Amino acid sequence: SGRLISLQQNDWVLKISRYRESAGQE
């Protein structure tokens, strides 16, 4: 769906495990 799941930047690892509808979008 084009949503970010994981990201590696600047010695950090980001994980997004849940989205929710806000302002008409996920």
PDB file of all heavy atoms in Angstrom:
ATOM      1  N   SER A   1       0.817  -1.218   0.000  1.00  0.00           N
ATOM      2  CA  SER A   1       0.000   0.000   0.000  1.00  0.00           C
ATOM      3  C   SER A   1       0.849   1.267   0.000  1.00  0.00           C
ATOM      4  O   SER A   1       0.320   2.368   0.155  1.00  0.00           O
ATOM      5  CB  SER A   1      -0.928   0.012   1.225  1.00  0.00           C
ATOM      6  OG  SER A   1      -1.809  -1.095   1.204  1.00  0.00           O
ATOM      7  N   GLY A   2       2.152   1.105  -0.161  1.00  0.00           N
ATOM      8  CA  GLY A   2       3.037   2.255  -0.194  1.00  0.00           C
ATOM      9  C   GLY A   2       3.344   2.841   1.167  1.00  0.00           C
ATOM     10  O   GLY A   2       3.803   3.984   1.261  1.00  0.00           O
ATOM     11  N   ARG A   3       3.134   2.062   2.215  1.00  0.00           N
ATOM     12  CA  ARG A   3       3.401   2.547   3.576  1.00  0.00           C
ATOM     13  C   ARG A   3       4.762   2.056   4.055  1.00  0.00           C
ATOM     14  O   ARG A   3       5.134   0.896   3.836  1.00  0.00           O
ATOM     15  CB  ARG A   3       2.305   2.068   4.531  1.00  0.00           C
ATOM     16  CG  ARG A   3       0.905   2.503   4.130  1.00  0.00           C
ATOM     17  CD  ARG A   3      -0.150   1.953   5.073  1.00  0.00           C
ATOM     18  NE  ARG A   3      -0.079   0.504   5.202  1.00  0.00           N
ATOM     19  CZ  ARG A   3      -0.934  -0.225   5.903  1.00  0.00           C
ATOM     20  NH1 ARG A   3      -1.922   0.372   6.551  1.00  0.00           N
ATOM     21  NH2 ARG A   3      -0.806  -1.534   5.957  1.00  0.00           N
ATOM     22  N   LEU A   4       5.481   2.933   4.710  1.00  0.00           N
ATOM     23  CA  LEU A   4       6.801   2.580   5.231  1.00  0.00           C
ATOM     24  C   LEU A   4       6.680   1.551   6.342  1.00  0.00           C
ATOM     25  O   LEU A   4       5.903   1.729   7.281  1.00  0.00           O
ATOM     26  CB  LEU A   4       7.499   3.836   5.765  1.00  0.00           C
ATOM     27  CG  LEU A   4       8.934   3.666   6.271  1.00  0.00           C
ATOM     28  CD1 LEU A   4       9.862   3.271   5.125  1.00  0.00           C
ATOM     29  CD2 LEU A   4       9.421   4.956   6.930  1.00  0.00           C
ATOM     30  N   ILE A   5       7.469   0.469   6.232  1.00  0.00           N
ATOM     31  CA  ILE A   5       7.489  -0.571   7.262  1.00  0.00           C
ATOM     32  C   ILE A   5       8.748  -0.461   8.105  1.00  0.00           C
ATOM     33  O   ILE A   5       8.702  -0.535   9.335  1.00  0.00           O
ATOM     34  CB  ILE A   5       7.405  -1.971   6.634  1.00  0.00           C
ATOM     35  CG1 ILE A   5       6.092  -2.150   5.876  1.00  0.00           C
ATOM     36  CG2 ILE A   5       7.556  -3.059   7.702  1.00  0.00           C
ATOM     37  CD1 ILE A   5       6.023  -3.461   5.124  1.00  0.00           C
ATOM     38  N   SER A   6       9.901  -0.305   7.439  1.00  0.00           N
ATOM     39  CA  SER A   6      11.165  -0.180   8.163  1.00  0.00           C
ATOM     40  C   SER A   6      12.097   0.747   7.409  1.00  0.00           C
ATOM     41  O   SER A   6      11.969   0.941   6.191  1.00  0.00           O
ATOM     42  CB  SER A   6      11.826  -1.548   8.362  1.00  0.00           C
ATOM     43  OG  SER A   6      12.214  -2.108   7.125  1.00  0.00           O
ATOM     44  N   LEU A   7      13.038   1.308   8.173  1.00  0.00           N
ATOM     45  CA  LEU A   7      13.934   2.309   7.608  1.00  0.00           C
ATOM     46  C   LEU A   7      15.240   2.310   8.391  1.00  0.00           C
ATOM     47  O   LEU A   7      15.226   2.208   9.618  1.00  0.00           O
ATOM     48  CB  LEU A   7      13.272   3.692   7.698  1.00  0.00           C
ATOM     49  CG  LEU A   7      14.065   4.913   7.241  1.00  0.00           C
ATOM     50  CD1 LEU A   7      14.265   4.878   5.729  1.00  0.00           C
ATOM     51  CD2 LEU A   7      13.340   6.197   7.646  1.00  0.00           C
ATOM     52  N   GLN A   8      16.347   2.416   7.677  1.00  0.00           N
ATOM     53  CA  GLN A   8      17.655   2.553   8.306  1.00  0.00           C
ATOM     54  C   GLN A   8      18.258   3.890   7.903  1.00  0.00           C
ATOM     55  O   GLN A   8      18.461   4.152   6.724  1.00  0.00           O
ATOM     56  CB  GLN A   8      18.580   1.418   7.889  1.00  0.00           C
ATOM     57  CG  GLN A   8      18.127   0.040   8.342  1.00  0.00           C
ATOM     58  CD  GLN A   8      19.088  -1.050   7.918  1.00  0.00           C
ATOM     59  OE1 GLN A   8      20.296  -0.850   7.881  1.00  0.00           O
ATOM     60  NE2 GLN A   8      18.544  -2.215   7.589  1.00  0.00           N
ATOM     61  N   GLN A   9      18.523   4.733   8.880  1.00  0.00           N
ATOM     62  CA  GLN A   9      19.122   6.050   8.653  1.00  0.00           C
ATOM     63  C   GLN A   9      19.890   6.484   9.889  1.00  0.00           C
ATOM     64  O   GLN A   9      19.430   6.303  11.018  1.00  0.00           O
ATOM     65  CB  GLN A   9      18.047   7.102   8.337  1.00  0.00           C
ATOM     66  CG  GLN A   9      17.555   7.103   6.901  1.00  0.00           C
ATOM     67  CD  GLN A   9      16.725   8.327   6.576  1.00  0.00           C
ATOM     68  OE1 GLN A   9      15.735   8.606   7.242  1.00  0.00           O
ATOM     69  NE2 GLN A   9      17.123   9.061   5.551  1.00  0.00           N
ATOM     70  N   ASN A  10      21.076   7.070   9.656  1.00  0.00           N
ATOM     71  CA  ASN A  10      21.809   7.719  10.755  1.00  0.00           C
ATOM     72  C   ASN A  10      22.034   6.809  11.963  1.00  0.00           C
ATOM     73  O   ASN A  10      21.847   7.242  13.108  1.00  0.00           O
ATOM     74  CB  ASN A  10      21.071   8.975  11.208  1.00  0.00           C
ATOM     75  CG  ASN A  10      21.791  10.243  10.784  1.00  0.00           C
ATOM     76  OD1 ASN A  10      22.832  10.179  10.147  1.00  0.00           O
ATOM     77  ND2 ASN A  10      21.231  11.376  11.137  1.00  0.00           N
ATOM     78  N   ASP A  11      22.388   5.575  11.755  1.00  0.00           N
ATOM     79  CA  ASP A  11      22.630   4.610  12.843  1.00  0.00           C
ATOM     80  C   ASP A  11      21.369   4.236  13.615  1.00  0.00           C
ATOM     81  O   ASP A  11      21.452   3.599  14.665  1.00  0.00           O
ATOM     82  CB  ASP A  11      23.688   5.133  13.828  1.00  0.00           C
ATOM     83  CG  ASP A  11      25.028   5.380  13.160  1.00  0.00           C
ATOM     84  OD1 ASP A  11      25.393   4.597  12.255  1.00  0.00           O
ATOM     85  OD2 ASP A  11      25.704   6.354  13.526  1.00  0.00           O
ATOM     86  N   TRP A  12      20.217   4.639  13.114  1.00  0.00           N
ATOM     87  CA  TRP A  12      18.946   4.258  13.714  1.00  0.00           C
ATOM     88  C   TRP A  12      18.205   3.299  12.796  1.00  0.00           C
ATOM     89  O   TRP A  12      18.328   3.373  11.569  1.00  0.00           O
ATOM     90  CB  TRP A  12      18.047   5.474  13.936  1.00  0.00           C
ATOM     91  CG  TRP A  12      18.453   6.383  15.058  1.00  0.00           C
ATOM     92  CD1 TRP A  12      19.319   7.427  14.985  1.00  0.00           C
ATOM     93  CD2 TRP A  12      17.988   6.344  16.409  1.00  0.00           C
ATOM     94  NE1 TRP A  12      19.426   8.051  16.202  1.00  0.00           N
ATOM     95  CE2 TRP A  12      18.618   7.406  17.097  1.00  0.00           C
ATOM     96  CE3 TRP A  12      17.099   5.523  17.104  1.00  0.00           C
ATOM     97  CZ2 TRP A  12      18.389   7.667  18.451  1.00  0.00           C
ATOM     98  CZ3 TRP A  12      16.866   5.787  18.447  1.00  0.00           C
ATOM     99  CH2 TRP A  12      17.507   6.839  19.113  1.00  0.00           C
ATOM    100  N   VAL A  13      17.429   2.417  13.396  1.00  0.00           N
ATOM    101  CA  VAL A  13      16.508   1.550  12.653  1.00  0.00           C
ATOM    102  C   VAL A  13      15.100   1.896  13.105  1.00  0.00           C
ATOM    103  O   VAL A  13      14.796   1.858  14.301  1.00  0.00           O
ATOM    104  CB  VAL A  13      16.788   0.058  12.901  1.00  0.00           C
ATOM    105  CG1 VAL A  13      15.733  -0.803  12.200  1.00  0.00           C
ATOM    106  CG2 VAL A  13      18.188  -0.313  12.411  1.00  0.00           C
ATOM    107  N   LEU A  14      14.263   2.268  12.154  1.00  0.00           N
ATOM    108  CA  LEU A  14      12.875   2.629  12.447  1.00  0.00           C
ATOM    109  C   LEU A  14      11.947   1.533  11.939  1.00  0.00           C
ATOM    110  O   LEU A  14      12.096   1.060  10.817  1.00  0.00           O
ATOM    111  CB  LEU A  14      12.513   3.950  11.768  1.00  0.00           C
ATOM    112  CG  LEU A  14      11.030   4.353  11.800  1.00  0.00           C
ATOM    113  CD1 LEU A  14      10.625   4.783  13.211  1.00  0.00           C
ATOM    114  CD2 LEU A  14      10.744   5.464  10.797  1.00  0.00           C
ATOM    115  N   LYS A  15      10.989   1.131  12.766  1.00  0.00           N
ATOM    116  CA  LYS A  15       9.962   0.175  12.362  1.00  0.00           C
ATOM    117  C   LYS A  15       8.588   0.749  12.697  1.00  0.00           C
ATOM    118  O   LYS A  15       8.382   1.252  13.805  1.00  0.00           O
ATOM    119  CB  LYS A  15      10.161  -1.169  13.053  1.00  0.00           C
ATOM    120  CG  LYS A  15      11.445  -1.898  12.639  1.00  0.00           C
ATOM    121  CD  LYS A  15      11.539  -3.272  13.273  1.00  0.00           C
ATOM    122  CE  LYS A  15      12.823  -3.974  12.868  1.00  0.00           C
ATOM    123  NZ  LYS A  15      12.875  -4.243  11.415  1.00  0.00           N
ATOM    124  N   ILE A  16       7.686   0.683  11.734  1.00  0.00           N
ATOM    125  CA  ILE A  16       6.310   1.145  11.947  1.00  0.00           C
ATOM    126  C   ILE A  16       5.403  -0.070  11.854  1.00  0.00           C
ATOM    127  O   ILE A  16       5.261  -0.678  10.787  1.00  0.00           O
ATOM    128  CB  ILE A  16       5.908   2.210  10.912  1.00  0.00           C
ATOM    129  CG1 ILE A  16       6.891   3.380  10.956  1.00  0.00           C
ATOM    130  CG2 ILE A  16       4.483   2.696  11.178  1.00  0.00           C
ATOM    131  CD1 ILE A  16       6.621   4.468   9.930  1.00  0.00           C
ATOM    132  N   SER A  17       4.804  -0.447  12.971  1.00  0.00           N
ATOM    133  CA  SER A  17       4.052  -1.700  13.035  1.00  0.00           C
ATOM    134  C   SER A  17       2.551  -1.513  12.838  1.00  0.00           C
ATOM    135  O   SER A  17       1.823  -2.483  12.596  1.00  0.00           O
ATOM    136  CB  SER A  17       4.289  -2.391  14.381  1.00  0.00           C
ATOM    137  OG  SER A  17       3.908  -1.552  15.462  1.00  0.00           O
ATOM    138  N   ARG A  18       2.092  -0.256  12.948  1.00  0.00           N
ATOM    139  CA  ARG A  18       0.651  -0.047  12.803  1.00  0.00           C
ATOM    140  C   ARG A  18       0.353   1.340  12.254  1.00  0.00           C
ATOM    141  O   ARG A  18       0.991   2.315  12.663  1.00  0.00           O
ATOM    142  CB  ARG A  18      -0.063  -0.230  14.151  1.00  0.00           C
ATOM    143  CG  ARG A  18      -1.585  -0.117  14.052  1.00  0.00           C
ATOM    144  CD  ARG A  18      -2.238  -0.258  15.414  1.00  0.00           C
ATOM    145  NE  ARG A  18      -3.672  -0.007  15.348  1.00  0.00           N
ATOM    146  CZ  ARG A  18      -4.463   0.148  16.402  1.00  0.00           C
ATOM    147  NH1 ARG A  18      -3.951   0.072  17.619  1.00  0.00           N
ATOM    148  NH2 ARG A  18      -5.752   0.374  16.252  1.00  0.00           N
ATOM    149  N   TYR A  19      -0.589   1.390  11.336  1.00  0.00           N
ATOM    150  CA  TYR A  19      -1.108   2.650  10.806  1.00  0.00           C
ATOM    151  C   TYR A  19      -2.579   2.766  11.195  1.00  0.00           C
ATOM    152  O   TYR A  19      -3.243   1.769  11.455  1.00  0.00           O
ATOM    153  CB  TYR A  19      -0.992   2.703   9.283  1.00  0.00           C
ATOM    154  CG  TYR A  19       0.408   2.973   8.765  1.00  0.00           C
ATOM    155  CD1 TYR A  19       1.391   1.984   8.801  1.00  0.00           C
ATOM    156  CD2 TYR A  19       0.741   4.212   8.229  1.00  0.00           C
ATOM    157  CE1 TYR A  19       2.667   2.230   8.318  1.00  0.00           C
ATOM    158  CE2 TYR A  19       2.012   4.468   7.740  1.00  0.00           C
ATOM    159  CZ  TYR A  19       2.971   3.474   7.794  1.00  0.00           C
ATOM    160  OH  TYR A  19       4.233   3.721   7.317  1.00  0.00           O
ATOM    161  N   ARG A  20      -3.059   4.014  11.194  1.00  0.00           N
ATOM    162  CA  ARG A  20      -4.477   4.245  11.476  1.00  0.00           C
ATOM    163  C   ARG A  20      -4.935   5.445  10.656  1.00  0.00           C
ATOM    164  O   ARG A  20      -4.156   6.370  10.405  1.00  0.00           O
ATOM    165  CB  ARG A  20      -4.705   4.519  12.960  1.00  0.00           C
ATOM    166  CG  ARG A  20      -6.185   4.612  13.330  1.00  0.00           C
ATOM    167  CD  ARG A  20      -6.368   4.738  14.828  1.00  0.00           C
ATOM    168  NE  ARG A  20      -5.924   6.044  15.325  1.00  0.00           N
ATOM    169  CZ  ARG A  20      -6.050   6.434  16.589  1.00  0.00           C
ATOM    170  NH1 ARG A  20      -6.566   5.604  17.480  1.00  0.00           N
ATOM    171  NH2 ARG A  20      -5.642   7.623  16.963  1.00  0.00           N
ATOM    172  N   GLU A  21      -6.200   5.427  10.234  1.00  0.00           N
ATOM    173  CA  GLU A  21      -6.704   6.517   9.410  1.00  0.00           C
ATOM    174  C   GLU A  21      -6.742   7.818  10.199  1.00  0.00           C
ATOM    175  O   GLU A  21      -7.300   7.905  11.288  1.00  0.00           O
ATOM    176  CB  GLU A  21      -8.102   6.205   8.878  1.00  0.00           C
ATOM    177  CG  GLU A  21      -8.626   7.285   7.940  1.00  0.00           C
ATOM    178  CD  GLU A  21      -9.970   6.946   7.333  1.00  0.00           C
ATOM    179  OE1 GLU A  21     -10.301   5.746   7.246  1.00  0.00           O
ATOM    180  OE2 GLU A  21     -10.688   7.890   6.957  1.00  0.00           O
ATOM    181  N   SER A  22      -6.138   8.830   9.606  1.00  0.00           N
ATOM    182  CA  SER A  22      -6.146  10.181  10.172  1.00  0.00           C
ATOM    183  C   SER A  22      -6.180  11.166   9.023  1.00  0.00           C
ATOM    184  O   SER A  22      -5.443  11.009   8.049  1.00  0.00           O
ATOM    185  CB  SER A  22      -4.897  10.437  11.025  1.00  0.00           C
ATOM    186  OG  SER A  22      -4.840   9.563  12.133  1.00  0.00           O
ATOM    187  N   ALA A  23      -7.042  12.144   9.109  1.00  0.00           N
ATOM    188  CA  ALA A  23      -7.175  13.172   8.068  1.00  0.00           C
ATOM    189  C   ALA A  23      -7.437  12.557   6.703  1.00  0.00           C
ATOM    190  O   ALA A  23      -6.978  13.064   5.688  1.00  0.00           O
ATOM    191  CB  ALA A  23      -5.932  14.050   8.024  1.00  0.00           C
ATOM    192  N   GLY A  24      -8.148  11.444   6.686  1.00  0.00           N
ATOM    193  CA  GLY A  24      -8.542  10.817   5.437  1.00  0.00           C
ATOM    194  C   GLY A  24      -7.531   9.865   4.838  1.00  0.00           C
ATOM    195  O   GLY A  24      -7.794   9.270   3.786  1.00  0.00           O
ATOM    196  N   GLN A  25      -6.375   9.679   5.494  1.00  0.00           N
ATOM    197  CA  GLN A  25      -5.345   8.790   4.963  1.00  0.00           C
ATOM    198  C   GLN A  25      -4.752   7.945   6.093  1.00  0.00           C
ATOM    199  O   GLN A  25      -4.940   8.236   7.273  1.00  0.00           O
ATOM    200  CB  GLN A  25      -4.231   9.596   4.280  1.00  0.00           C
ATOM    201  CG  GLN A  25      -4.686  10.429   3.097  1.00  0.00           C
ATOM    202  CD  GLN A  25      -5.169   9.591   1.930  1.00  0.00           C
ATOM    203  OE1 GLN A  25      -4.722   8.458   1.737  1.00  0.00           O
ATOM    204  NE2 GLN A  25      -6.084  10.135   1.131  1.00  0.00           N
ATOM    205  N   GLU A  26      -4.021   6.892   5.702  1.00  0.00           N
ATOM    206  CA  GLU A  26      -3.369   6.037   6.692  1.00  0.00           C
ATOM    207  C   GLU A  26      -2.081   6.702   7.180  1.00  0.00           C
ATOM    208  O   GLU A  26      -1.170   6.975   6.390  1.00  0.00           O
ATOM    209  CB  GLU A  26      -3.034   4.677   6.057  1.00  0.00           C
ATOM    210  CG  GLU A  26      -4.253   3.849   5.691  1.00  0.00           C
ATOM    211  CD  GLU A  26      -4.937   3.289   6.927  1.00  0.00           C
ATOM    212  OE1 GLU A  26      -4.231   2.732   7.785  1.00  0.00           O
ATOM    213  OE2 GLU A  26      -6.166   3.427   7.034  1.00  0.00           O
TER     214      GLU A  26
END
